[in-house]
Amino acid sequence: MSFASNGSDRFRVDSSAAVLRELDRLQRRATHRGQGKSFKAAFRRILRALRDRPLTLGEPLYYLKTMHVEVRAVLVAPLLIEFAVSREHQIVWIKTGKLLGKRNP
């Protein structure tokens, strides 16, 4: 599934159906744990940044030289997203999502 963007200088964000199912499962789990609102806010913030500035977002993990793709990770509590970005094609692929544990006060 692709998350469309309006501007031509923005990156297109895409992910597989399996990744979307996993993100949906994480959302339900976050809601069950009382983190639903913060999960949604984190996802929206990450998605906006993936469209606008994926090449500087988060931390670089590794570079796939033959594919010209950099794999990076970004954390906005309680959500961690790993993604791959192609500067050449202006596309971002969401690879995985992880839900962080809830902090105890």
Protein backbone atom coordinates (compact mmCIF):
# COMPACT_ATOMS: atom_id res chain seq x y z
CA MET A 1 0.00 0.00 0.00
CA SER A 2 1.19 3.46 -0.83
CA PHE A 3 0.71 6.55 1.32
CA ALA A 4 0.29 9.28 -1.31
CA SER A 5 1.97 12.66 -1.11
CA ASN A 6 0.98 15.91 -2.77
CA GLY A 7 4.30 17.63 -3.47
CA SER A 8 6.69 16.54 -6.22
CA ASP A 9 9.70 17.07 -3.96
CA ARG A 10 8.21 14.78 -1.33
CA PHE A 11 8.97 11.07 -1.11
CA ARG A 12 6.34 8.42 -1.71
CA VAL A 13 5.86 6.08 1.25
CA ASP A 14 4.98 2.46 0.58
CA SER A 15 4.70 -0.82 2.47
CA SER A 16 3.53 -4.36 1.96
CA ALA A 17 0.16 -5.70 3.08
CA ALA A 18 1.99 -7.77 5.71
CA VAL A 19 3.61 -4.66 7.20
CA LEU A 20 0.25 -2.88 7.25
CA ARG A 21 -1.29 -5.84 9.10
CA GLU A 22 1.55 -5.74 11.61
CA LEU A 23 1.13 -1.99 12.17
CA ASP A 24 -2.59 -2.53 12.67
CA ARG A 25 -1.85 -5.28 15.20
CA LEU A 26 0.57 -2.98 17.01
CA GLN A 27 -2.07 -0.23 17.08
CA ARG A 28 -4.59 -2.59 18.69
CA ARG A 29 -1.99 -3.73 21.23
CA ALA A 30 -1.04 -0.13 22.03
CA THR A 31 -4.70 0.74 22.53
CA HIS A 32 -5.14 -2.23 24.86
CA ARG A 33 -2.14 -1.00 26.89
CA GLY A 34 -3.41 2.57 27.07
CA GLN A 35 -0.95 3.86 24.45
CA GLY A 36 -3.39 4.17 21.56
CA LYS A 37 -3.36 7.96 21.24
CA SER A 38 0.41 8.23 21.54
CA PHE A 39 0.84 5.43 18.97
CA LYS A 40 -1.40 7.21 16.45
CA ALA A 41 0.35 10.53 17.05
CA ALA A 42 3.78 8.90 16.67
CA PHE A 43 2.75 7.17 13.43
CA ARG A 44 1.41 10.40 11.95
CA ARG A 45 4.56 12.29 12.92
CA ILE A 46 6.81 9.57 11.46
CA LEU A 47 4.77 9.34 8.24
CA ARG A 48 4.99 13.11 7.72
CA ALA A 49 8.75 13.03 8.25
CA LEU A 50 9.15 10.03 5.91
CA ARG A 51 7.52 12.06 3.16
CA ASP A 52 9.46 15.26 3.84
CA ARG A 53 12.96 14.29 5.01
CA PRO A 54 13.64 10.53 5.04
CA LEU A 55 17.33 10.91 4.19
CA THR A 56 18.04 12.63 7.52
CA LEU A 57 15.32 11.05 9.66
CA GLY A 58 16.35 8.76 12.49
CA GLU A 59 19.56 6.77 12.41
CA PRO A 60 21.21 5.04 9.45
CA LEU A 61 21.56 1.28 9.90
CA TYR A 62 23.19 0.13 6.66
CA TYR A 63 23.42 0.86 2.93
CA LEU A 64 22.50 -1.58 0.15
CA LYS A 65 25.07 -0.54 -2.41
CA THR A 66 23.79 -2.39 -5.48
CA MET A 67 20.22 -1.20 -4.88
CA HIS A 68 21.26 2.36 -3.90
CA VAL A 69 19.01 2.14 -0.83
CA GLU A 70 19.74 3.21 2.73
CA VAL A 71 18.04 1.44 5.62
CA ARG A 72 17.28 3.63 8.62
CA ALA A 73 15.36 3.50 11.90
CA VAL A 74 13.32 6.19 13.61
CA LEU A 75 11.88 6.20 17.10
CA VAL A 76 8.98 8.34 18.26
CA ALA A 77 7.75 6.76 21.47
CA PRO A 78 6.08 4.36 21.64
CA LEU A 79 6.79 3.41 18.00
CA LEU A 80 9.97 2.31 16.25
CA ILE A 81 9.92 2.14 12.45
CA GLU A 82 12.62 0.67 10.22
CA PHE A 83 12.50 1.89 6.64
CA ALA A 84 14.45 1.82 3.40
CA VAL A 85 14.84 4.96 1.30
CA SER A 86 15.86 5.46 -2.32
CA ARG A 87 17.04 8.97 -3.12
CA GLU A 88 17.09 8.12 -6.83
CA HIS A 89 13.42 7.07 -6.97
CA GLN A 90 12.16 9.28 -4.13
CA ILE A 91 10.47 6.37 -2.41
CA VAL A 92 10.42 5.06 1.14
CA TRP A 93 9.49 1.50 2.07
CA ILE A 94 8.35 0.84 5.62
CA LYS A 95 10.02 -2.45 6.60
CA THR A 96 8.96 -3.07 10.19
CA GLY A 97 7.31 -1.52 13.19
CA LYS A 98 7.86 -2.25 16.86
CA LEU A 99 5.92 -1.15 19.91
CA LEU A 100 8.02 -0.03 22.87
CA GLY A 101 7.15 -1.10 26.37
CA LYS A 102 5.00 1.18 28.48
CA ARG A 103 6.93 3.23 31.04
CA ASN A 104 5.91 2.93 34.67
CA PRO A 105 5.56 6.27 36.50
